[in-house]
């Protein structure tokens, strides 16, 4: 995950595959299906469709929370929140080849996560966001702490938009999770491309 920069997190919605296909064309290089409400079967059906798109584009595909769905469809990875199945159990179920991500919001959670069998972490949301109702923003101080402390890739969440990339990068961010800026855009490919250009300006590849 170290060379992946722009991570789209998206839930079930009309035109889901069309949005994801466009986002990948615009520069998204990780995709996660994050669905908190639906039952397993519709999540599985959607995940199978998105996985096919991602396989063709050589983009890792993750399922949020649902270790069972990740296992059933052969996802590249699963992303786990603090209230989800512990990563050690997910690792037992999914095996060593599947990637595991872990959400963190405070230093104590990050310290625990660094002892768990995970491949990357997320930090945030830096700004409060409707996708995580009731959770306050962590601010840039936590991002600075997480990126300076973690040997694993840290993906920043919350408020990721082109005009925020420079400030997030200055606080240590090199990996970015986006939800609404792409998912709700009238032109998801253009939105993804704009974000990707902003990221590449801050972190040009040698």
Protein backbone atom coordinates (compact mmCIF):
# COMPACT_ATOMS: atom_id res chain seq x y z
CA UNK A 1 0.00 0.00 0.00
CA UNK A 2 2.99 2.31 0.33
CA UNK A 3 2.84 3.41 -3.32
CA UNK A 4 -0.94 3.98 -3.31
CA UNK A 5 -1.99 7.61 -2.91
CA UNK A 6 -5.71 8.11 -3.59
CA UNK A 7 -8.18 5.79 -1.85
CA UNK A 8 -11.88 6.01 -2.71
CA UNK A 9 -14.36 4.92 -0.05
CA UNK A 10 -17.92 4.53 -1.35
CA UNK A 11 -21.22 2.95 -0.30
CA UNK A 12 -24.11 1.41 -2.20
CA UNK A 13 -25.76 3.94 -4.50
CA UNK A 14 -27.19 4.20 -8.02
CA UNK A 15 -24.57 3.97 -10.77
CA UNK A 16 -22.02 2.62 -8.28
CA UNK A 17 -19.95 0.75 -10.87
CA UNK A 18 -20.03 3.71 -13.25
CA UNK A 19 -18.74 6.03 -10.53
CA UNK A 20 -15.96 3.67 -9.51
CA UNK A 21 -14.90 3.00 -13.09
CA UNK A 22 -14.69 6.76 -13.71
CA UNK A 23 -12.82 7.38 -10.45
CA UNK A 24 -10.22 4.75 -11.30
CA UNK A 25 -9.80 6.25 -14.76
CA UNK A 26 -9.17 9.60 -13.05
CA UNK A 27 -6.40 8.32 -10.79
CA UNK A 28 -7.93 6.52 -7.80
CA UNK A 29 -5.61 3.62 -6.97
CA UNK A 30 -7.45 1.95 -4.05
CA UNK A 31 -11.20 1.31 -3.75
CA UNK A 32 -13.21 0.37 -0.66
CA UNK A 33 -16.88 -0.57 -0.50
CA UNK A 34 -18.11 0.92 2.78
CA UNK A 35 -21.73 0.04 3.45
CA UNK A 36 -23.06 0.30 7.00
CA UNK A 37 -26.76 -0.47 6.48
CA UNK A 38 -27.39 -3.14 3.83
CA UNK A 39 -27.54 -6.89 4.39
CA UNK A 40 -24.77 -9.23 3.28
CA UNK A 41 -26.23 -10.31 -0.08
CA UNK A 42 -26.50 -6.85 -1.70
CA UNK A 43 -23.08 -5.96 -0.31
CA UNK A 44 -21.65 -9.14 -1.84
CA UNK A 45 -23.23 -8.46 -5.22
CA UNK A 46 -21.89 -4.92 -5.29
CA UNK A 47 -18.48 -6.07 -4.08
CA UNK A 48 -18.21 -8.64 -6.85
CA UNK A 49 -18.90 -5.98 -9.48
CA UNK A 50 -16.40 -3.53 -8.01
CA UNK A 51 -13.77 -6.22 -7.60
CA UNK A 52 -14.01 -7.02 -11.32
CA UNK A 53 -13.41 -3.35 -12.18
CA UNK A 54 -10.46 -3.16 -9.81
CA UNK A 55 -8.84 -6.37 -11.03
CA UNK A 56 -8.89 -5.05 -14.59
CA UNK A 57 -7.27 -1.78 -13.45
CA UNK A 58 -4.75 -3.41 -11.05
CA UNK A 59 -6.30 -1.51 -8.15
CA UNK A 60 -6.63 -3.15 -4.70
CA UNK A 61 -10.24 -3.65 -3.63
CA UNK A 62 -11.27 -3.56 0.04
CA UNK A 63 -14.47 -4.27 1.92
CA UNK A 64 -15.22 -2.22 5.02
CA UNK A 65 -16.02 -4.06 8.27
CA UNK A 66 -17.37 -7.25 6.68
CA UNK A 67 -14.72 -9.93 7.02
CA UNK A 68 -17.29 -12.47 5.83
CA UNK A 69 -17.94 -10.59 2.59
CA UNK A 70 -14.22 -10.02 2.00
CA UNK A 71 -13.64 -13.75 2.41
CA UNK A 72 -16.60 -14.77 0.25
CA UNK A 73 -15.67 -12.65 -2.77
CA UNK A 74 -11.89 -12.87 -2.48
CA UNK A 75 -11.30 -9.18 -1.83
CA UNK A 76 -7.75 -7.88 -1.70
CA UNK A 77 -8.37 -6.57 1.76
CA UNK A 78 -10.67 -5.56 4.59
CA UNK A 79 -10.73 -2.30 6.50
CA UNK A 80 -11.61 -2.52 10.19
CA UNK A 81 -12.87 0.17 12.55
CA UNK A 82 -12.32 0.22 16.27
CA UNK A 83 -15.62 -1.59 16.94
CA UNK A 84 -15.12 -4.29 14.29
CA UNK A 85 -13.66 -7.80 14.42
CA UNK A 86 -10.12 -7.53 15.83
CA UNK A 87 -7.41 -7.69 13.18
CA UNK A 88 -5.88 -10.84 14.68
CA UNK A 89 -9.14 -12.73 14.15
CA UNK A 90 -9.57 -11.27 10.67
CA UNK A 91 -6.06 -12.45 9.86
CA UNK A 92 -6.89 -15.98 11.02
CA UNK A 93 -9.95 -16.03 8.76
CA UNK A 94 -8.50 -14.30 5.70
CA UNK A 95 -4.91 -15.55 5.75
CA UNK A 96 -1.62 -13.80 5.25
CA UNK A 97 -2.13 -12.67 1.65
CA UNK A 98 -5.12 -10.43 2.34
CA UNK A 99 -4.42 -6.82 3.34
CA UNK A 100 -5.90 -5.41 6.55
CA UNK A 101 -6.40 -1.72 7.32
CA UNK A 102 -7.23 -0.23 10.70
CA UNK A 103 -8.94 3.06 11.59
CA UNK A 104 -7.38 5.18 14.31
CA UNK A 105 -8.57 8.45 15.83
CA UNK A 106 -6.36 9.08 18.86
CA UNK A 107 -2.75 8.26 19.80
CA UNK A 108 -3.76 5.39 22.07
CA UNK A 109 -5.57 3.63 19.22
CA UNK A 110 -2.59 4.10 16.94
CA UNK A 111 -0.19 2.62 19.48
CA UNK A 112 -2.39 -0.48 19.82
CA UNK A 113 -2.82 -0.77 16.05
CA UNK A 114 0.95 -0.84 15.57
CA UNK A 115 1.02 -4.08 17.55
CA UNK A 116 -1.72 -5.67 15.45
CA UNK A 117 -1.34 -7.68 12.20
CA UNK A 118 -2.32 -4.82 9.90
CA UNK A 119 -0.83 -3.45 6.69
CA UNK A 120 -1.85 0.20 6.84
CA UNK A 121 -3.65 2.65 9.12
CA UNK A 122 -6.06 5.51 8.64
CA UNK A 123 -5.95 8.70 10.70
CA UNK A 124 -8.86 11.06 11.12
CA UNK A 125 -11.26 12.36 10.22
CA UNK A 126 -9.15 15.50 10.33
CA UNK A 127 -12.36 17.47 9.81
CA UNK A 128 -15.81 16.35 10.98
CA UNK A 129 -17.66 14.69 8.12
CA UNK A 130 -21.23 13.48 7.50
CA UNK A 131 -19.85 10.06 6.55
CA UNK A 132 -18.91 9.58 10.22
CA UNK A 133 -21.76 11.22 12.11
CA UNK A 134 -21.06 12.17 15.70
CA UNK A 135 -17.30 11.87 15.40
CA UNK A 136 -15.44 15.18 15.87
CA UNK A 137 -12.50 16.12 13.72
CA UNK A 138 -9.10 15.05 15.02
CA UNK A 139 -7.31 18.09 13.61
CA UNK A 140 -3.87 18.20 12.05
CA UNK A 141 -2.00 17.48 15.29
CA UNK A 142 -3.15 13.88 15.31
CA UNK A 143 -2.20 13.50 11.65
CA UNK A 144 1.29 14.79 12.46
CA UNK A 145 1.56 12.33 15.34
CA UNK A 146 0.33 9.37 13.29
CA UNK A 147 2.54 9.99 10.27
CA UNK A 148 5.62 10.58 12.42
CA UNK A 149 5.02 7.55 14.64
CA UNK A 150 3.84 4.87 12.21
CA UNK A 151 6.18 2.78 10.05
CA UNK A 152 3.07 1.68 8.14
CA UNK A 153 1.35 3.79 5.47
CA UNK A 154 -1.11 6.22 7.06
CA UNK A 155 -4.13 7.31 4.99
CA UNK A 156 -5.65 10.59 6.10
CA UNK A 157 -9.45 10.87 6.18
CA UNK A 158 -11.87 13.77 6.43
CA UNK A 159 -12.06 16.88 4.28
CA UNK A 160 -9.80 15.64 1.50
CA UNK A 161 -10.19 18.04 -1.44
CA UNK A 162 -7.73 19.63 -3.88
CA UNK A 163 -7.47 22.86 -1.91
CA UNK A 164 -6.63 20.93 1.27
CA UNK A 165 -3.89 18.67 -0.09
CA UNK A 166 -1.03 21.11 0.51
CA UNK A 167 -1.96 21.62 4.18
CA UNK A 168 -2.45 17.89 4.75
CA UNK A 169 0.86 17.13 3.04
CA UNK A 170 2.59 19.75 5.21
CA UNK A 171 1.27 17.85 8.25
CA UNK A 172 2.83 14.63 6.96
CA UNK A 173 0.11 13.09 4.80
CA UNK A 174 1.23 11.13 1.75
CA UNK A 175 -1.86 8.91 1.37
CA UNK A 176 -5.41 10.26 1.08
CA UNK A 177 -8.91 8.81 1.53
CA UNK A 178 -11.76 10.52 -0.30
CA UNK A 179 -15.50 9.96 -0.13
CA UNK A 180 -17.82 12.77 -1.10
CA UNK A 181 -15.53 14.83 -3.29
CA UNK A 182 -15.55 12.04 -5.87
CA UNK A 183 -18.65 10.01 -5.00
CA UNK A 184 -20.97 13.03 -5.10
CA UNK A 185 -19.30 14.80 -8.01
CA UNK A 186 -21.23 15.36 -11.24
CA UNK A 187 -18.09 14.18 -13.06
CA UNK A 188 -16.28 11.63 -10.84
CA UNK A 189 -13.44 11.13 -13.31
CA UNK A 190 -12.69 14.85 -13.46
CA UNK A 191 -12.90 15.12 -9.66
CA UNK A 192 -10.50 12.21 -9.22
CA UNK A 193 -8.11 13.66 -11.76
CA UNK A 194 -8.13 17.05 -10.03
CA UNK A 195 -7.35 15.41 -6.69
CA UNK A 196 -4.65 13.25 -8.20
CA UNK A 197 -2.97 16.24 -9.81
CA UNK A 198 -2.98 18.08 -6.48
CA UNK A 199 -1.42 15.07 -4.75
CA UNK A 200 1.20 14.59 -7.45
CA UNK A 201 2.16 18.27 -7.25
CA UNK A 202 2.95 17.83 -3.55
CA UNK A 203 4.63 14.45 -3.97
CA UNK A 204 6.12 14.20 -7.45
CA UNK A 205 7.38 10.75 -8.30
CA UNK A 206 11.08 10.49 -8.92
